[in-house]
Amino acid sequence: MANQETAYGLRPIGLVGSGANSTGVTEYEIASNNTNAIYQYAIVVPTAAGVIDFAGATSGGTTQALGVLMGIQYHDSVQKKPVWLNYWPGSGSVSVDTNYPVKALVADNPNQLFKVASDASLTDRATALAGVFANATLGTSARTGDSNTGIANGALSVSSIATTATLPLRIVGIMDDEANSDYTAAGIPLIVRLNAHFNAATRGFASQTTADATGI
C-alpha cells in the first residue's frame, strides 16, 4: 500500500544524542519586499543584507544552511494588526506595513534532527538501512510548497544517496511509522541532520539577495 505522506520538507523531531528538544527557534527577519515564497519546513539561508531567504539552488551552492522556517509574523497594512502564518507567501501576496519588520522563526540548532520523506522507492528495509550514515540532497522540489497548507514540498533524493562529503544531509536513521512503511513507494520517513550548518563553525554568508545553500 502506498505511503500516506510523500513530501513535507524537513520537520524538526529532536536533537542529536536524545538531548532535550524544547522546539526552540530563533527570530530572524525576512525583507518585506522579498517576492520569494518561503514555505514551512523549507531550508533557509543567511544573506549579506542581514535577513534570511530561501535556498536559491537545489543543485548546489555556496552558503551553509541556517535551518528551516517554522513560521512568520508581519503587520498587515490594511487590517492594521499583526498576522501570523506558517509560511511567507511573498511580498506580492500580502499587504505588509513596512514600518514593522517581517519576523521569521527558524529552527536553527546545528544539532537538530529532522524527519524527511524519501522521494522514491527504497526497495526494502535492508536497502534503506544501508543508506544510514550516508549523505544525500533534497530533490528539485525543495524550494516549492503548497500555498493552501503553507508546507514545503521538499523530499530526500534517493538517487543522490552516497558517501560524498559535500552533500548537505546526513542520514542517521529510519522512523517507525506504520502509515508510511511501504519501502517500494516514495514516502519512507528518514531521520537526517544538516551537514554544513551556518551556526556550527565560522562561516561565510551570501553576498547576493537570494542565496544558494551548499548542496541543497
Protein backbone atom coordinates (compact mmCIF):
# COMPACT_ATOMS: atom_id res chain seq x y z
CA MET A 1 0.00 0.00 0.00
CA ALA A 2 1.35 3.45 -0.93
CA ASN A 3 2.56 5.70 1.87
CA GLN A 4 0.24 8.42 3.13
CA GLU A 5 2.82 11.24 3.12
CA THR A 6 5.44 11.76 0.43
CA ALA A 7 6.79 15.33 0.74
CA TYR A 8 6.80 17.86 3.58
CA GLY A 9 10.26 19.36 3.79
CA LEU A 10 12.35 18.91 6.95
CA ARG A 11 10.24 18.53 10.10
CA PRO A 12 12.18 19.04 13.36
CA ILE A 13 11.78 15.98 15.60
CA GLY A 14 14.57 16.10 18.21
CA LEU A 15 18.24 16.65 18.88
CA VAL A 16 21.35 14.54 18.36
CA GLY A 17 22.09 12.36 21.38
CA SER A 18 18.49 12.44 22.63
CA GLY A 19 19.07 15.89 24.08
CA ALA A 20 16.04 17.72 25.43
CA ASN A 21 14.17 19.21 22.49
CA SER A 22 12.37 22.39 23.53
CA THR A 23 11.30 23.01 19.91
CA GLY A 24 13.19 26.26 20.35
CA VAL A 25 13.56 28.69 17.47
CA THR A 26 15.47 31.90 16.80
CA GLU A 27 13.84 35.03 15.42
CA TYR A 28 15.31 36.49 12.22
CA GLU A 29 13.89 38.85 9.60
CA ILE A 30 12.67 38.49 6.02
CA ALA A 31 12.90 41.52 3.74
CA SER A 32 9.41 42.99 3.40
CA ASN A 33 9.90 43.24 -0.39
CA ASN A 34 11.04 39.63 -0.79
CA THR A 35 8.85 38.13 -3.52
CA ASN A 36 10.04 34.55 -2.89
CA ALA A 37 7.57 32.25 -1.18
CA ILE A 38 9.35 30.56 1.74
CA TYR A 39 7.43 27.53 2.97
CA GLN A 40 7.27 25.95 6.40
CA TYR A 41 9.96 23.26 6.84
CA ALA A 42 11.97 24.64 3.90
CA ILE A 43 15.68 25.35 4.33
CA VAL A 44 16.63 29.00 4.73
CA VAL A 45 19.99 30.73 4.47
CA PRO A 46 21.51 33.99 5.77
CA THR A 47 22.27 36.85 3.39
CA ALA A 48 24.59 39.85 3.45
CA ALA A 49 21.60 42.14 3.98
CA GLY A 50 21.10 40.67 7.46
CA VAL A 51 17.90 38.85 6.51
CA ILE A 52 17.10 35.27 5.59
CA ASP A 53 15.93 33.89 2.26
CA PHE A 54 15.11 30.54 0.72
CA ALA A 55 17.85 28.30 -0.64
CA GLY A 56 18.28 29.57 -4.19
CA ALA A 57 19.84 26.46 -5.72
CA THR A 58 18.61 22.91 -5.33
CA SER A 59 21.62 21.53 -7.19
CA GLY A 60 24.31 23.08 -5.02
CA GLY A 61 25.57 26.47 -3.93
CA THR A 62 27.99 28.34 -1.71
CA THR A 63 26.22 29.22 1.55
CA GLN A 64 25.65 26.97 4.55
CA ALA A 65 22.08 26.38 5.67
CA LEU A 66 20.82 28.28 8.72
CA GLY A 67 17.90 25.96 9.49
CA VAL A 68 14.27 25.54 8.47
CA LEU A 69 11.43 28.05 8.58
CA MET A 70 8.76 27.35 11.20
CA GLY A 71 6.55 30.43 10.80
CA ILE A 72 6.37 34.18 10.29
CA GLN A 73 4.70 37.31 11.65
CA TYR A 74 4.13 40.62 9.89
CA HIS A 75 1.92 43.71 10.30
CA ASP A 76 -0.87 43.96 7.75
CA SER A 77 -1.15 47.46 6.27
CA VAL A 78 -4.87 47.01 5.53
CA GLN A 79 -6.07 45.28 8.70
CA LYS A 80 -3.69 47.38 10.84
CA LYS A 81 -2.78 44.41 13.00
CA PRO A 82 -0.17 41.66 13.27
CA VAL A 83 -0.70 38.48 11.24
CA TRP A 84 0.85 35.08 11.97
CA LEU A 85 1.36 32.50 9.21
CA ASN A 86 3.25 29.22 9.00
CA TYR A 87 5.00 30.41 5.81
CA TRP A 88 5.97 33.57 3.93
CA PRO A 89 3.75 33.88 0.81
CA GLY A 90 5.96 36.53 -0.82
CA SER A 91 5.55 40.29 -0.74
CA GLY A 92 3.20 40.32 -3.73
CA SER A 93 0.70 38.12 -1.89
CA VAL A 94 0.33 40.06 1.38
CA SER A 95 -0.15 43.69 2.41
CA VAL A 96 2.88 44.49 4.58
CA ASP A 97 3.22 47.57 6.76
CA THR A 98 6.93 48.33 6.23
CA ASN A 99 7.08 50.27 9.50
CA TYR A 100 7.36 46.87 11.18
CA PRO A 101 9.79 44.00 10.49
CA VAL A 102 8.72 40.71 8.97
CA LYS A 103 9.72 38.27 11.69
CA ALA A 104 10.75 34.72 10.84
CA LEU A 105 11.07 31.87 13.33
CA VAL A 106 13.77 29.39 12.35
CA ALA A 107 14.72 26.01 13.84
CA ASP A 108 18.45 26.73 13.71
CA ASN A 109 20.11 24.38 16.22
CA PRO A 110 23.12 22.74 14.49
CA ASN A 111 22.26 19.50 16.35
CA GLN A 112 18.65 19.47 15.17
CA LEU A 113 17.32 16.21 13.73
CA PHE A 114 14.65 16.28 11.05
CA LYS A 115 12.12 13.88 9.56
CA VAL A 116 12.10 13.89 5.75
CA ALA A 117 10.30 11.68 3.24
CA SER A 118 12.11 9.72 0.54
CA ASP A 119 11.18 10.87 -2.98
CA ALA A 120 11.26 7.37 -4.46
CA SER A 121 11.26 3.68 -3.60
CA LEU A 122 13.96 2.35 -1.27
CA THR A 123 13.10 -1.24 -2.35
CA ASP A 124 13.10 -2.77 1.14
CA ARG A 125 14.18 -2.05 4.70
CA ALA A 126 17.61 -3.59 4.24
CA THR A 127 18.33 -1.25 1.32
CA ALA A 128 17.06 1.74 3.32
CA LEU A 129 19.22 0.72 6.29
CA ALA A 130 22.27 0.64 4.03
CA GLY A 131 21.72 4.37 3.45
CA VAL A 132 22.09 5.21 7.14
CA PHE A 133 25.33 7.16 7.77
CA ALA A 134 25.45 8.12 4.10
CA ASN A 135 24.72 11.61 2.77
CA ALA A 136 22.05 12.91 0.40
CA THR A 137 20.45 16.03 -1.03
CA LEU A 138 16.89 17.24 -1.44
CA GLY A 139 15.11 16.84 -4.76
CA THR A 140 14.33 19.68 -7.15
CA SER A 141 11.04 20.40 -5.35
CA ALA A 142 12.89 21.72 -2.29
CA ARG A 143 12.01 25.37 -2.96
CA THR A 144 8.33 24.77 -3.77
CA GLY A 145 5.37 24.25 -1.49
CA ASP A 146 1.59 24.13 -1.09
CA SER A 147 0.02 27.57 -0.75
CA ASN A 148 -3.06 26.00 0.87
CA THR A 149 -1.16 24.37 3.75
CA GLY A 150 1.97 26.54 3.62
CA ILE A 151 4.13 23.41 3.85
CA ALA A 152 7.22 22.75 1.72
CA ASN A 153 7.35 20.05 -0.97
CA GLY A 154 10.93 19.00 -0.26
CA ALA A 155 11.84 15.31 -0.09
CA LEU A 156 15.14 13.43 0.14
CA SER A 157 16.51 12.42 -3.25
CA VAL A 158 17.02 8.66 -3.11
CA SER A 159 19.17 8.72 -6.25
CA SER A 160 21.61 11.12 -4.55
CA ILE A 161 22.42 8.88 -1.55
CA ALA A 162 26.20 8.47 -1.43
CA THR A 163 29.25 8.90 0.80
CA THR A 164 30.07 12.21 -0.92
CA ALA A 165 31.11 14.56 1.90
CA THR A 166 29.71 17.71 0.28
CA LEU A 167 26.10 16.52 0.21
CA PRO A 168 24.01 18.57 2.65
CA LEU A 169 22.04 15.95 4.56
CA ARG A 170 23.39 13.13 6.74
CA ILE A 171 21.00 10.19 7.12
CA VAL A 172 21.08 8.98 10.73
CA GLY A 173 18.09 6.67 10.94
CA ILE A 174 14.69 5.42 9.78
CA MET A 175 11.49 6.33 11.63
CA ASP A 176 8.96 3.69 12.61
CA ASP A 177 5.70 4.80 11.01
CA GLU A 178 3.06 2.21 10.17
CA ALA A 179 1.21 4.59 7.82
CA ASN A 180 4.40 5.21 5.85
CA SER A 181 6.16 1.85 5.79
CA ASP A 182 5.90 0.75 2.14
CA TYR A 183 9.55 0.63 1.07
CA THR A 184 8.55 0.05 -2.56
CA ALA A 185 6.99 3.54 -2.72
CA ALA A 186 8.03 7.13 -2.07
CA GLY A 187 7.46 8.49 1.41
CA ILE A 188 9.62 6.44 3.78
CA PRO A 189 10.37 8.75 6.75
CA LEU A 190 14.12 9.13 7.23
CA ILE A 191 15.91 10.94 10.05
CA VAL A 192 18.54 13.43 8.90
CA ARG A 193 20.65 16.34 10.10
CA LEU A 194 22.24 19.24 8.23
CA ASN A 195 25.87 18.51 7.34
CA ALA A 196 27.03 22.07 6.68
CA HIS A 197 25.37 24.35 9.22
CA PHE A 198 25.97 28.09 9.38
CA ASN A 199 25.95 28.07 13.19
CA ALA A 200 28.28 25.09 13.55
CA ALA A 201 31.52 26.96 12.79
CA THR A 202 32.89 30.20 11.40
CA ARG A 203 31.25 30.52 8.00
CA GLY A 204 30.89 32.99 5.19
CA PHE A 205 27.49 34.27 4.11
CA ALA A 206 25.80 35.13 0.85
CA SER A 207 26.56 38.37 -0.94
CA GLN A 208 23.50 38.03 -3.17
CA THR A 209 19.89 38.68 -2.21
CA THR A 210 18.79 35.11 -2.82
CA ALA A 211 21.47 32.77 -1.56
CA ASP A 212 22.50 29.31 -2.70
CA ALA A 213 22.58 26.76 0.12
CA THR A 214 25.50 24.38 -0.13
CA GLY A 215 24.35 21.19 -1.79
CA ILE A 216 20.64 21.87 -1.36
